[in-house]
């Protein structure tokens, strides 16, 4: 599938209103730039809106995004982490509305998925937290407006290749499944959770993975 990328460049460090993306049909708008996937509805639009530069495994990093949509999006939009090496990358992502987690392997390799959190079937704003620990573990958390924080758990570093040297927070949009307009805002980037949020110690993500067939 074709891939469209763009990077927003906020100030470094903890911040609010880092940037936002607006998804409508097959067109994706960003603050100050835009990328268009008109035509082939199977195209995947990918955005990386969290940091001016990548961050290494030794630093650890936390990014929060707020997703608002006119209707439940299912798997239409996923937020996640792009794991990059010198000449290749792979994606680890979660669909905030469906609660499914995906791993897309390098070079258009296989896509694995598993269901972790319950589906949200009403159009409520959702706050998503993406964390890369100093060990290289990746963690997803989700909080629908008016609900408690949900922890999907973490994927340990041995799930990922050793060639990974840097990480980007990213957004993936599958146009053919996007059934309503949506806005995604990146409103926090830092090294630790804010004081107002104190999640419990995470458990390893324990679920059965399945292969998505072409």
N, C-alpha and C. Protein backbone atom coordinates (compact mmCIF):
# COMPACT_ATOMS: atom_id res chain seq x y z
N UNK A 1 0.84 -1.19 0.00
CA UNK A 1 0.00 0.00 0.00
C UNK A 1 0.87 1.25 0.00
N UNK A 2 0.39 2.30 -0.59
CA UNK A 2 1.14 3.55 -0.64
C UNK A 2 1.13 4.23 0.71
N UNK A 3 2.18 4.98 1.00
CA UNK A 3 2.35 5.60 2.31
C UNK A 3 2.65 7.08 2.13
N UNK A 4 1.93 7.93 2.85
CA UNK A 4 2.17 9.36 2.83
C UNK A 4 2.62 9.78 4.22
N UNK A 5 3.75 10.50 4.31
CA UNK A 5 4.31 10.89 5.60
C UNK A 5 4.41 12.40 5.71
N UNK A 6 4.20 12.93 6.89
CA UNK A 6 4.61 14.29 7.19
C UNK A 6 4.87 14.42 8.67
N UNK A 7 5.70 15.39 9.02
CA UNK A 7 6.16 15.56 10.40
C UNK A 7 5.87 16.98 10.87
N UNK A 8 5.13 17.10 11.96
CA UNK A 8 4.96 18.41 12.60
C UNK A 8 6.14 18.65 13.53
N UNK A 9 6.50 19.89 13.72
CA UNK A 9 7.70 20.20 14.49
C UNK A 9 7.38 21.15 15.64
N UNK A 10 6.95 20.62 16.76
CA UNK A 10 6.66 21.46 17.92
C UNK A 10 7.94 21.80 18.67
N UNK A 11 7.81 22.65 19.66
CA UNK A 11 8.92 22.88 20.56
C UNK A 11 9.18 21.61 21.36
N UNK A 12 10.41 21.40 21.76
CA UNK A 12 10.75 20.21 22.52
C UNK A 12 10.29 20.35 23.96
N UNK A 13 10.23 19.22 24.67
CA UNK A 13 9.86 19.24 26.07
C UNK A 13 8.36 19.16 26.27
N UNK A 14 7.91 19.02 27.53
CA UNK A 14 6.48 18.97 27.80
C UNK A 14 5.79 20.21 27.27
N UNK A 15 4.68 20.03 26.60
CA UNK A 15 4.00 21.16 26.00
C UNK A 15 2.55 20.82 25.76
N UNK A 16 1.75 21.84 25.50
CA UNK A 16 0.36 21.65 25.14
C UNK A 16 0.16 22.13 23.71
N UNK A 17 -0.91 21.61 23.08
CA UNK A 17 -1.25 22.01 21.72
C UNK A 17 -0.05 21.91 20.78
N UNK A 18 0.59 20.75 20.80
CA UNK A 18 1.75 20.53 19.95
C UNK A 18 1.40 20.67 18.48
N UNK A 19 0.26 20.16 18.09
CA UNK A 19 -0.16 20.22 16.71
C UNK A 19 -1.43 19.43 16.56
N UNK A 20 -2.08 19.55 15.39
CA UNK A 20 -3.28 18.77 15.21
C UNK A 20 -3.44 18.36 13.76
N UNK A 21 -4.15 17.26 13.56
CA UNK A 21 -4.47 16.74 12.25
C UNK A 21 -5.97 16.66 12.13
N UNK A 22 -6.49 16.97 10.94
CA UNK A 22 -7.92 16.84 10.68
C UNK A 22 -8.11 15.84 9.55
N UNK A 23 -8.86 14.79 9.82
CA UNK A 23 -9.11 13.76 8.82
C UNK A 23 -10.53 13.93 8.29
N UNK A 24 -10.67 13.99 6.98
CA UNK A 24 -11.98 14.12 6.37
C UNK A 24 -11.95 13.45 5.01
N UNK A 25 -12.66 12.35 4.88
CA UNK A 25 -12.63 11.61 3.62
C UNK A 25 -11.23 11.09 3.37
N UNK A 26 -10.68 11.39 2.17
CA UNK A 26 -9.36 10.92 1.84
C UNK A 26 -8.31 12.01 1.95
N UNK A 27 -8.63 13.10 2.64
CA UNK A 27 -7.71 14.22 2.74
C UNK A 27 -7.35 14.44 4.20
N UNK A 28 -6.09 14.61 4.47
CA UNK A 28 -5.60 14.82 5.82
C UNK A 28 -4.92 16.17 5.92
N UNK A 29 -5.36 17.01 6.85
CA UNK A 29 -4.81 18.34 7.01
C UNK A 29 -4.00 18.40 8.29
N UNK A 30 -2.92 19.12 8.25
CA UNK A 30 -2.11 19.34 9.45
C UNK A 30 -1.87 20.82 9.60
N UNK A 31 -1.44 21.21 10.77
CA UNK A 31 -1.18 22.62 11.06
C UNK A 31 0.03 23.07 10.25
N UNK A 32 -0.21 23.85 9.20
CA UNK A 32 0.88 24.39 8.42
C UNK A 32 1.24 23.55 7.21
N UNK A 33 0.72 22.36 7.08
CA UNK A 33 1.03 21.51 5.94
C UNK A 33 -0.08 20.50 5.75
N UNK A 34 -0.11 19.83 4.60
CA UNK A 34 -1.13 18.81 4.42
C UNK A 34 -0.66 17.77 3.43
N UNK A 35 -1.20 16.60 3.54
CA UNK A 35 -0.90 15.51 2.62
C UNK A 35 -2.21 14.91 2.17
N UNK A 36 -2.30 14.58 0.89
CA UNK A 36 -3.57 14.16 0.31
C UNK A 36 -3.44 12.78 -0.28
N UNK A 37 -4.40 11.92 0.03
CA UNK A 37 -4.43 10.59 -0.54
C UNK A 37 -5.64 10.37 -1.40
N UNK A 38 -6.04 11.37 -2.20
CA UNK A 38 -7.22 11.25 -3.03
C UNK A 38 -7.06 10.10 -4.01
N UNK A 39 -8.17 9.47 -4.33
CA UNK A 39 -8.13 8.43 -5.36
C UNK A 39 -8.29 7.06 -4.77
N UNK A 40 -7.22 6.34 -4.67
CA UNK A 40 -7.25 4.95 -4.23
C UNK A 40 -7.63 4.89 -2.75
N UNK A 41 -8.80 4.33 -2.46
CA UNK A 41 -9.29 4.31 -1.09
C UNK A 41 -8.55 3.33 -0.21
N UNK A 42 -7.67 2.51 -0.79
CA UNK A 42 -6.92 1.57 0.03
C UNK A 42 -5.63 2.18 0.57
N UNK A 43 -5.35 3.43 0.21
CA UNK A 43 -4.09 4.03 0.62
C UNK A 43 -4.07 4.29 2.12
N UNK A 44 -2.87 4.18 2.66
CA UNK A 44 -2.63 4.44 4.08
C UNK A 44 -1.95 5.78 4.23
N UNK A 45 -2.50 6.64 5.05
CA UNK A 45 -1.86 7.91 5.36
C UNK A 45 -1.21 7.79 6.73
N UNK A 46 0.06 8.15 6.82
CA UNK A 46 0.78 8.06 8.09
C UNK A 46 1.37 9.41 8.43
N UNK A 47 1.18 9.84 9.66
CA UNK A 47 1.76 11.10 10.12
C UNK A 47 2.58 10.86 11.36
N UNK A 48 3.64 11.67 11.55
CA UNK A 48 4.48 11.53 12.73
C UNK A 48 4.54 12.89 13.42
N UNK A 49 3.58 13.19 14.31
CA UNK A 49 3.47 14.56 14.79
C UNK A 49 3.97 14.83 16.19
N UNK A 50 4.99 14.11 16.68
CA UNK A 50 5.28 14.32 18.10
C UNK A 50 6.54 15.11 18.39
N UNK A 51 7.59 14.95 17.63
CA UNK A 51 8.86 15.50 18.06
C UNK A 51 9.62 16.13 16.90
N UNK A 52 10.42 17.12 17.22
CA UNK A 52 11.28 17.73 16.20
C UNK A 52 12.31 16.73 15.73
N UNK A 53 12.80 15.89 16.59
CA UNK A 53 13.75 14.85 16.21
C UNK A 53 13.33 13.56 16.89
N UNK A 54 13.94 12.49 16.47
CA UNK A 54 13.61 11.20 17.09
C UNK A 54 14.17 11.15 18.50
N UNK A 55 13.73 10.15 19.27
CA UNK A 55 14.29 9.97 20.59
C UNK A 55 14.81 8.54 20.70
N UNK A 56 15.89 8.38 21.42
CA UNK A 56 16.53 7.07 21.49
C UNK A 56 15.95 6.24 22.62
N UNK A 57 16.23 4.95 22.60
CA UNK A 57 15.72 4.04 23.61
C UNK A 57 16.24 4.41 25.00
N UNK A 58 17.40 5.04 25.07
CA UNK A 58 18.00 5.33 26.36
C UNK A 58 17.34 6.53 27.05
N UNK A 59 16.59 7.33 26.30
CA UNK A 59 15.95 8.50 26.88
C UNK A 59 14.60 8.18 27.50
N UNK A 60 13.82 7.32 26.83
CA UNK A 60 12.43 7.14 27.22
C UNK A 60 11.64 8.35 26.78
N UNK A 61 10.38 8.15 26.45
CA UNK A 61 9.59 9.27 25.94
C UNK A 61 8.11 8.96 26.10
N UNK A 62 7.31 10.01 26.30
CA UNK A 62 5.88 9.87 26.50
C UNK A 62 5.17 10.92 25.65
N UNK A 63 4.16 10.49 24.91
CA UNK A 63 3.39 11.39 24.06
C UNK A 63 1.91 11.13 24.31
N UNK A 64 1.11 12.20 24.35
CA UNK A 64 -0.33 12.06 24.51
C UNK A 64 -1.04 12.71 23.34
N UNK A 65 -2.08 12.04 22.84
CA UNK A 65 -2.88 12.54 21.73
C UNK A 65 -4.36 12.46 22.12
N UNK A 66 -5.13 13.43 21.64
CA UNK A 66 -6.58 13.45 21.86
C UNK A 66 -7.28 13.28 20.52
N UNK A 67 -8.14 12.29 20.45
CA UNK A 67 -8.86 11.98 19.22
C UNK A 67 -10.34 12.27 19.40
N UNK A 68 -10.89 13.08 18.51
CA UNK A 68 -12.32 13.38 18.50
C UNK A 68 -12.87 13.06 17.13
N UNK A 69 -14.03 12.42 17.10
CA UNK A 69 -14.62 12.01 15.82
C UNK A 69 -16.13 12.15 15.87
N UNK A 70 -16.74 12.30 14.69
CA UNK A 70 -18.19 12.46 14.60
C UNK A 70 -18.91 11.14 14.78
N UNK A 71 -18.18 10.03 14.71
CA UNK A 71 -18.76 8.70 14.89
C UNK A 71 -17.65 7.76 15.34
N UNK A 72 -17.99 6.62 15.95
CA UNK A 72 -16.95 5.65 16.31
C UNK A 72 -16.16 5.24 15.07
N UNK A 73 -14.83 5.19 15.18
CA UNK A 73 -13.99 4.98 14.01
C UNK A 73 -13.49 3.55 13.85
N UNK A 74 -13.76 2.69 14.84
CA UNK A 74 -13.24 1.33 14.72
C UNK A 74 -11.73 1.35 14.60
N UNK A 75 -11.20 0.73 13.53
CA UNK A 75 -9.76 0.70 13.29
C UNK A 75 -9.33 1.75 12.27
N UNK A 76 -10.21 2.71 11.94
CA UNK A 76 -9.92 3.66 10.88
C UNK A 76 -8.71 4.54 11.15
N UNK A 77 -8.48 4.90 12.41
CA UNK A 77 -7.31 5.69 12.80
C UNK A 77 -6.60 4.98 13.94
N UNK A 78 -5.28 4.84 13.80
CA UNK A 78 -4.46 4.23 14.85
C UNK A 78 -3.37 5.22 15.26
N UNK A 79 -3.03 5.21 16.53
CA UNK A 79 -1.90 5.98 17.03
C UNK A 79 -0.84 5.00 17.50
N UNK A 80 0.43 5.37 17.32
CA UNK A 80 1.44 4.40 17.70
C UNK A 80 2.85 4.94 17.65
N UNK A 81 3.78 4.02 17.57
CA UNK A 81 5.21 4.32 17.56
C UNK A 81 5.83 3.72 16.30
N UNK A 82 6.59 4.55 15.59
CA UNK A 82 7.38 4.08 14.45
C UNK A 82 8.79 3.79 14.95
N UNK A 83 9.23 2.54 14.80
CA UNK A 83 10.55 2.11 15.24
C UNK A 83 11.48 2.13 14.03
N UNK A 84 12.54 2.91 14.10
CA UNK A 84 13.38 3.17 12.93
C UNK A 84 14.81 2.70 13.14
N UNK A 85 15.40 2.20 12.06
CA UNK A 85 16.82 1.88 12.00
C UNK A 85 17.47 2.69 10.90
N UNK A 86 18.62 2.26 10.44
CA UNK A 86 19.36 3.04 9.46
C UNK A 86 18.66 3.08 8.10
N UNK A 87 17.96 2.01 7.73
CA UNK A 87 17.35 1.99 6.40
C UNK A 87 16.00 1.28 6.39
N UNK A 88 15.39 1.08 7.55
CA UNK A 88 14.08 0.43 7.59
C UNK A 88 13.35 0.83 8.86
N UNK A 89 12.06 0.52 8.88
CA UNK A 89 11.26 0.86 10.05
C UNK A 89 10.10 -0.13 10.17
N UNK A 90 9.49 -0.15 11.35
CA UNK A 90 8.30 -0.94 11.59
C UNK A 90 7.36 -0.14 12.48
N UNK A 91 6.08 -0.51 12.48
CA UNK A 91 5.07 0.24 13.21
C UNK A 91 4.42 -0.60 14.29
N UNK A 92 4.23 0.01 15.47
CA UNK A 92 3.48 -0.60 16.55
C UNK A 92 2.39 0.40 16.92
N UNK A 93 1.12 0.01 16.85
CA UNK A 93 0.05 1.00 16.97
C UNK A 93 -1.19 0.42 17.63
N UNK A 94 -2.04 1.31 18.14
CA UNK A 94 -3.31 0.93 18.73
C UNK A 94 -4.43 1.77 18.13
N UNK A 95 -5.56 1.14 17.83
CA UNK A 95 -6.75 1.86 17.39
C UNK A 95 -7.52 2.28 18.63
N UNK A 96 -7.60 3.58 18.93
CA UNK A 96 -8.24 4.02 20.18
C UNK A 96 -9.69 3.56 20.33
N UNK A 97 -10.46 3.54 19.24
CA UNK A 97 -11.87 3.17 19.37
C UNK A 97 -12.06 1.65 19.49
N UNK A 98 -11.35 0.87 18.71
CA UNK A 98 -11.55 -0.58 18.77
C UNK A 98 -10.79 -1.24 19.90
N UNK A 99 -9.68 -0.62 20.34
CA UNK A 99 -8.85 -1.23 21.37
C UNK A 99 -7.92 -2.30 20.84
N UNK A 100 -7.81 -2.42 19.51
CA UNK A 100 -6.91 -3.41 18.90
C UNK A 100 -5.50 -2.84 18.78
N UNK A 101 -4.51 -3.72 18.91
CA UNK A 101 -3.10 -3.35 18.76
C UNK A 101 -2.54 -4.06 17.54
N UNK A 102 -1.72 -3.34 16.77
CA UNK A 102 -1.16 -3.87 15.53
C UNK A 102 0.36 -3.75 15.53
N UNK A 103 1.01 -4.70 14.87
CA UNK A 103 2.44 -4.61 14.58
C UNK A 103 2.61 -4.84 13.09
N UNK A 104 3.15 -3.83 12.39
CA UNK A 104 3.44 -3.97 10.97
C UNK A 104 4.94 -4.11 10.80
N UNK A 105 5.37 -5.24 10.25
CA UNK A 105 6.79 -5.54 10.12
C UNK A 105 7.40 -4.79 8.94
N UNK A 106 8.74 -4.69 8.90
CA UNK A 106 9.41 -3.87 7.87
C UNK A 106 9.17 -4.37 6.45
N UNK A 107 9.45 -3.46 5.50
CA UNK A 107 9.44 -3.79 4.07
C UNK A 107 8.10 -4.36 3.64
N UNK A 108 7.02 -3.72 4.08
CA UNK A 108 5.66 -4.17 3.74
C UNK A 108 5.44 -5.62 4.15
N UNK A 109 6.06 -5.98 5.27
CA UNK A 109 5.94 -7.34 5.79
C UNK A 109 4.59 -7.59 6.42
N UNK A 110 4.43 -8.74 7.07
CA UNK A 110 3.12 -9.11 7.63
C UNK A 110 2.66 -8.15 8.72
N UNK A 111 1.34 -8.06 8.88
CA UNK A 111 0.73 -7.25 9.93
C UNK A 111 0.06 -8.20 10.92
N UNK A 112 0.45 -8.09 12.19
CA UNK A 112 -0.14 -8.89 13.26
C UNK A 112 -1.07 -7.98 14.07
N UNK A 113 -2.12 -8.58 14.64
CA UNK A 113 -3.03 -7.79 15.46
C UNK A 113 -3.55 -8.62 16.62
N UNK A 114 -3.99 -7.92 17.65
CA UNK A 114 -4.61 -8.57 18.79
C UNK A 114 -5.59 -7.59 19.44
N UNK A 115 -6.64 -8.12 20.03
CA UNK A 115 -7.64 -7.30 20.70
C UNK A 115 -7.29 -7.20 22.18
N UNK A 116 -7.12 -5.97 22.67
CA UNK A 116 -6.62 -5.76 24.03
C UNK A 116 -7.66 -5.09 24.93
N UNK A 117 -8.24 -3.98 24.45
CA UNK A 117 -9.23 -3.24 25.22
C UNK A 117 -10.60 -3.37 24.57
N UNK A 118 -11.64 -3.11 25.35
CA UNK A 118 -13.00 -3.21 24.82
C UNK A 118 -13.27 -2.11 23.79
N UNK A 119 -14.14 -2.42 22.84
CA UNK A 119 -14.49 -1.46 21.80
C UNK A 119 -15.31 -0.31 22.38
N UNK A 120 -15.00 0.91 21.94
CA UNK A 120 -15.80 2.08 22.28
C UNK A 120 -16.71 2.36 21.08
N UNK A 121 -18.02 2.22 21.27
CA UNK A 121 -18.95 2.32 20.14
C UNK A 121 -19.80 3.58 20.17
N UNK A 122 -19.33 4.60 20.90
CA UNK A 122 -19.99 5.91 20.90
C UNK A 122 -18.93 6.96 20.58
N UNK A 123 -19.34 8.08 19.96
CA UNK A 123 -18.35 9.09 19.53
C UNK A 123 -17.92 10.02 20.65
N UNK A 124 -17.12 9.51 21.57
CA UNK A 124 -16.61 10.33 22.68
C UNK A 124 -15.14 10.68 22.43
N UNK A 125 -14.69 11.83 22.92
CA UNK A 125 -13.26 12.14 22.83
C UNK A 125 -12.44 11.11 23.59
N UNK A 126 -11.29 10.73 23.03
CA UNK A 126 -10.42 9.73 23.64
C UNK A 126 -9.01 10.30 23.76
N UNK A 127 -8.44 10.19 24.95
CA UNK A 127 -7.05 10.57 25.18
C UNK A 127 -6.20 9.30 25.13
N UNK A 128 -5.15 9.32 24.34
CA UNK A 128 -4.27 8.16 24.19
C UNK A 128 -2.87 8.55 24.66
N UNK A 129 -2.25 7.65 25.41
CA UNK A 129 -0.89 7.86 25.88
C UNK A 129 0.01 6.78 25.26
N UNK A 130 1.11 7.21 24.67
CA UNK A 130 2.09 6.31 24.06
C UNK A 130 3.41 6.48 24.81
N UNK A 131 3.95 5.40 25.32
CA UNK A 131 5.17 5.49 26.12
C UNK A 131 6.23 4.52 25.61
N UNK A 132 7.44 5.03 25.42
CA UNK A 132 8.60 4.20 25.14
C UNK A 132 9.49 4.26 26.37
N UNK A 133 9.66 3.13 27.03
CA UNK A 133 10.47 3.10 28.25
C UNK A 133 11.96 3.10 27.92
N UNK A 134 12.78 3.33 28.92
CA UNK A 134 14.23 3.33 28.71
C UNK A 134 14.73 1.98 28.23
N UNK A 135 14.00 0.93 28.53
CA UNK A 135 14.39 -0.42 28.10
C UNK A 135 14.03 -0.68 26.63
N UNK A 136 13.16 0.17 26.06
CA UNK A 136 12.67 -0.06 24.72
C UNK A 136 11.28 -0.69 24.70
N UNK A 137 10.70 -0.94 25.87
CA UNK A 137 9.33 -1.44 25.93
C UNK A 137 8.36 -0.35 25.47
N UNK A 138 7.25 -0.76 24.85
CA UNK A 138 6.25 0.18 24.35
C UNK A 138 4.93 -0.08 25.06
N UNK A 139 4.30 1.00 25.53
CA UNK A 139 3.08 0.90 26.34
C UNK A 139 2.00 1.80 25.77
N UNK A 140 0.75 1.30 25.80
CA UNK A 140 -0.40 2.08 25.34
C UNK A 140 -1.40 2.23 26.48
N UNK A 141 -1.92 3.46 26.65
CA UNK A 141 -3.00 3.72 27.59
C UNK A 141 -4.09 4.51 26.87
N UNK A 142 -5.32 4.38 27.36
CA UNK A 142 -6.46 5.03 26.73
C UNK A 142 -7.44 5.51 27.79
N UNK A 143 -8.01 6.70 27.57
CA UNK A 143 -9.03 7.21 28.49
C UNK A 143 -10.12 7.91 27.69
N UNK A 144 -11.31 7.30 27.64
CA UNK A 144 -12.46 7.95 27.03
C UNK A 144 -12.98 9.01 27.99
N UNK A 145 -13.51 10.09 27.44
CA UNK A 145 -14.00 11.19 28.28
C UNK A 145 -15.06 10.69 29.27
N UNK A 146 -14.86 11.01 30.54
CA UNK A 146 -15.79 10.59 31.58
C UNK A 146 -15.55 9.19 32.10
N UNK A 147 -14.52 8.51 31.61
CA UNK A 147 -14.23 7.14 32.02
C UNK A 147 -12.86 7.06 32.68
N UNK A 148 -12.58 5.90 33.31
CA UNK A 148 -11.29 5.69 33.95
C UNK A 148 -10.21 5.41 32.91
N UNK A 149 -8.97 5.65 33.30
CA UNK A 149 -7.82 5.35 32.46
C UNK A 149 -7.70 3.83 32.30
N UNK A 150 -7.47 3.38 31.05
CA UNK A 150 -7.29 1.96 30.76
C UNK A 150 -5.86 1.72 30.27
N UNK A 151 -5.24 0.67 30.78
CA UNK A 151 -3.86 0.35 30.42
C UNK A 151 -3.86 -0.92 29.59
N UNK A 152 -3.39 -0.81 28.33
CA UNK A 152 -3.32 -1.98 27.46
C UNK A 152 -2.12 -2.86 27.79
N UNK A 153 -1.23 -2.36 28.64
CA UNK A 153 -0.03 -3.12 28.97
C UNK A 153 1.12 -2.71 28.07
N UNK A 154 2.24 -3.42 28.20
CA UNK A 154 3.42 -3.06 27.42
C UNK A 154 3.93 -4.26 26.63
N UNK A 155 4.56 -3.94 25.51
CA UNK A 155 5.26 -4.93 24.71
C UNK A 155 6.74 -4.87 25.08
N UNK A 156 7.34 -5.96 25.54
CA UNK A 156 8.73 -5.93 25.98
C UNK A 156 9.70 -5.70 24.83
N UNK A 157 10.90 -5.22 25.12
CA UNK A 157 11.85 -4.89 24.05
C UNK A 157 12.26 -6.09 23.20
N UNK A 158 12.17 -7.29 23.75
CA UNK A 158 12.58 -8.45 22.94
C UNK A 158 11.55 -8.80 21.86
N UNK A 159 10.44 -8.04 21.80
CA UNK A 159 9.49 -8.19 20.70
C UNK A 159 9.98 -7.52 19.42
N UNK A 160 11.00 -6.67 19.54
CA UNK A 160 11.41 -5.82 18.43
C UNK A 160 12.84 -6.12 18.00
N UNK A 161 13.17 -5.82 16.74
CA UNK A 161 14.52 -6.09 16.23
C UNK A 161 15.59 -5.27 16.93
N UNK A 162 16.81 -5.77 16.89
CA UNK A 162 17.91 -5.06 17.53
C UNK A 162 18.39 -3.87 16.71
N UNK A 163 17.96 -3.79 15.44
CA UNK A 163 18.42 -2.68 14.61
C UNK A 163 17.70 -1.37 14.92
N UNK A 164 16.69 -1.40 15.79
CA UNK A 164 15.94 -0.18 16.12
C UNK A 164 16.83 0.76 16.92
N UNK A 165 16.93 2.02 16.44
CA UNK A 165 17.75 3.02 17.13
C UNK A 165 16.98 4.28 17.50
N UNK A 166 15.81 4.49 16.91
CA UNK A 166 15.06 5.71 17.22
C UNK A 166 13.57 5.45 17.08
N UNK A 167 12.78 6.35 17.66
CA UNK A 167 11.34 6.16 17.75
C UNK A 167 10.61 7.47 17.42
N UNK A 168 9.48 7.36 16.72
CA UNK A 168 8.63 8.50 16.43
C UNK A 168 7.20 8.14 16.82
N UNK A 169 6.49 9.06 17.47
CA UNK A 169 5.06 8.86 17.62
C UNK A 169 4.42 9.08 16.25
N UNK A 170 3.42 8.29 15.91
CA UNK A 170 2.87 8.34 14.56
C UNK A 170 1.36 8.14 14.59
N UNK A 171 0.73 8.50 13.49
CA UNK A 171 -0.71 8.31 13.29
C UNK A 171 -0.89 7.59 11.96
N UNK A 172 -1.69 6.55 11.95
CA UNK A 172 -2.00 5.81 10.72
C UNK A 172 -3.49 5.92 10.45
N UNK A 173 -3.84 6.24 9.22
CA UNK A 173 -5.24 6.36 8.83
C UNK A 173 -5.50 5.50 7.61
N UNK A 174 -6.39 4.52 7.76
CA UNK A 174 -6.79 3.70 6.62
C UNK A 174 -8.05 4.33 6.03
N UNK A 175 -7.87 4.96 4.86
CA UNK A 175 -8.96 5.75 4.28
C UNK A 175 -10.20 4.92 3.99
N UNK A 176 -10.02 3.66 3.59
CA UNK A 176 -11.18 2.87 3.18
C UNK A 176 -12.05 2.46 4.36
N UNK A 177 -11.56 2.63 5.59
CA UNK A 177 -12.38 2.32 6.76
C UNK A 177 -12.75 3.56 7.56
N UNK A 178 -12.31 4.74 7.10
CA UNK A 178 -12.62 5.98 7.83
C UNK A 178 -14.04 6.41 7.51
N UNK A 179 -14.94 6.28 8.47
CA UNK A 179 -16.36 6.49 8.20
C UNK A 179 -16.89 7.83 8.70
N UNK A 180 -16.02 8.68 9.27
CA UNK A 180 -16.48 9.97 9.78
C UNK A 180 -15.29 10.92 9.92
N UNK A 181 -15.53 12.24 9.84
CA UNK A 181 -14.45 13.21 10.06
C UNK A 181 -13.90 13.08 11.48
N UNK A 182 -12.62 13.38 11.64
CA UNK A 182 -11.98 13.27 12.95
C UNK A 182 -10.89 14.31 13.08
N UNK A 183 -10.61 14.69 14.31
CA UNK A 183 -9.51 15.61 14.63
C UNK A 183 -8.64 14.97 15.69
N UNK A 184 -7.34 15.00 15.47
CA UNK A 184 -6.40 14.46 16.43
C UNK A 184 -5.42 15.55 16.84
N UNK A 185 -5.30 15.77 18.14
CA UNK A 185 -4.40 16.80 18.67
C UNK A 185 -3.32 16.15 19.50
N UNK A 186 -2.09 16.57 19.28
CA UNK A 186 -0.96 16.12 20.10
C UNK A 186 -0.75 17.19 21.17
N UNK A 187 -1.07 16.85 22.42
CA UNK A 187 -1.08 17.90 23.44
C UNK A 187 -0.09 17.69 24.57
N UNK A 188 0.74 16.66 24.48
CA UNK A 188 1.76 16.48 25.53
C UNK A 188 2.90 15.65 24.97
N UNK A 189 4.12 16.09 25.26
CA UNK A 189 5.32 15.32 24.95
C UNK A 189 6.32 15.55 26.05
N UNK A 190 6.74 14.50 26.72
CA UNK A 190 7.67 14.66 27.84
C UNK A 190 8.31 13.34 28.20
N UNK A 191 9.03 13.35 29.30
CA UNK A 191 9.75 12.15 29.74
C UNK A 191 9.00 11.35 30.80
N UNK A 192 7.94 11.93 31.37
CA UNK A 192 7.19 11.23 32.41
C UNK A 192 5.74 11.71 32.38
N UNK A 193 4.87 10.96 33.05
CA UNK A 193 3.47 11.34 33.11
C UNK A 193 3.30 12.63 33.93
N UNK A 194 2.32 13.46 33.58
CA UNK A 194 2.06 14.66 34.41
C UNK A 194 1.59 14.25 35.80
N UNK A 195 1.73 15.15 36.74
CA UNK A 195 1.39 14.85 38.13
C UNK A 195 -0.08 14.50 38.29
N UNK A 196 -0.92 15.01 37.41
CA UNK A 196 -2.36 14.74 37.52
C UNK A 196 -2.73 13.33 37.09
N UNK A 197 -1.77 12.60 36.54
CA UNK A 197 -2.04 11.25 36.05
C UNK A 197 -1.03 10.30 36.67
N UNK A 198 -1.52 9.34 37.43
CA UNK A 198 -0.63 8.40 38.13
C UNK A 198 -1.06 6.97 37.82
N UNK A 199 -0.73 6.45 36.63
CA UNK A 199 -1.12 5.08 36.30
C UNK A 199 -0.36 4.06 37.13
N UNK A 200 -0.99 2.92 37.34
CA UNK A 200 -0.35 1.85 38.09
C UNK A 200 0.79 1.25 37.27
N UNK A 201 1.61 0.45 37.93
CA UNK A 201 2.69 -0.24 37.23
C UNK A 201 2.09 -1.13 36.13
N UNK A 202 2.62 -1.08 34.91
CA UNK A 202 2.01 -1.84 33.82
C UNK A 202 2.36 -3.32 33.87
N UNK A 203 1.48 -4.11 33.28
CA UNK A 203 1.74 -5.53 33.09
C UNK A 203 2.06 -5.76 31.62
N UNK A 204 2.76 -6.84 31.35
CA UNK A 204 3.07 -7.16 29.96
C UNK A 204 1.79 -7.51 29.21
N UNK A 205 1.66 -7.03 27.98
CA UNK A 205 0.50 -7.31 27.16
C UNK A 205 0.44 -8.81 26.90
N UNK A 206 -0.62 -9.43 27.37
CA UNK A 206 -0.77 -10.89 27.28
C UNK A 206 -2.01 -11.20 26.46
N UNK A 207 -1.83 -11.47 25.18
CA UNK A 207 -2.95 -11.69 24.30
C UNK A 207 -2.52 -12.57 23.13
N UNK A 208 -3.47 -13.13 22.43
CA UNK A 208 -3.19 -13.99 21.28
C UNK A 208 -3.10 -13.13 20.03
N UNK A 209 -1.99 -13.24 19.31
CA UNK A 209 -1.78 -12.47 18.10
C UNK A 209 -2.27 -13.25 16.88
N UNK A 210 -2.82 -12.50 15.93
CA UNK A 210 -3.32 -13.10 14.69
C UNK A 210 -2.68 -12.39 13.50
N UNK A 211 -2.59 -13.09 12.39
CA UNK A 211 -2.03 -12.55 11.16
C UNK A 211 -3.15 -12.00 10.28
N UNK A 212 -2.94 -10.76 9.78
CA UNK A 212 -3.90 -10.20 8.81
C UNK A 212 -3.52 -10.71 7.43
N UNK A 213 -4.42 -11.44 6.82
CA UNK A 213 -4.17 -12.00 5.50
C UNK A 213 -4.45 -10.92 4.45
N UNK A 214 -3.64 -10.92 3.37
CA UNK A 214 -3.85 -9.98 2.27
C UNK A 214 -5.14 -10.30 1.54
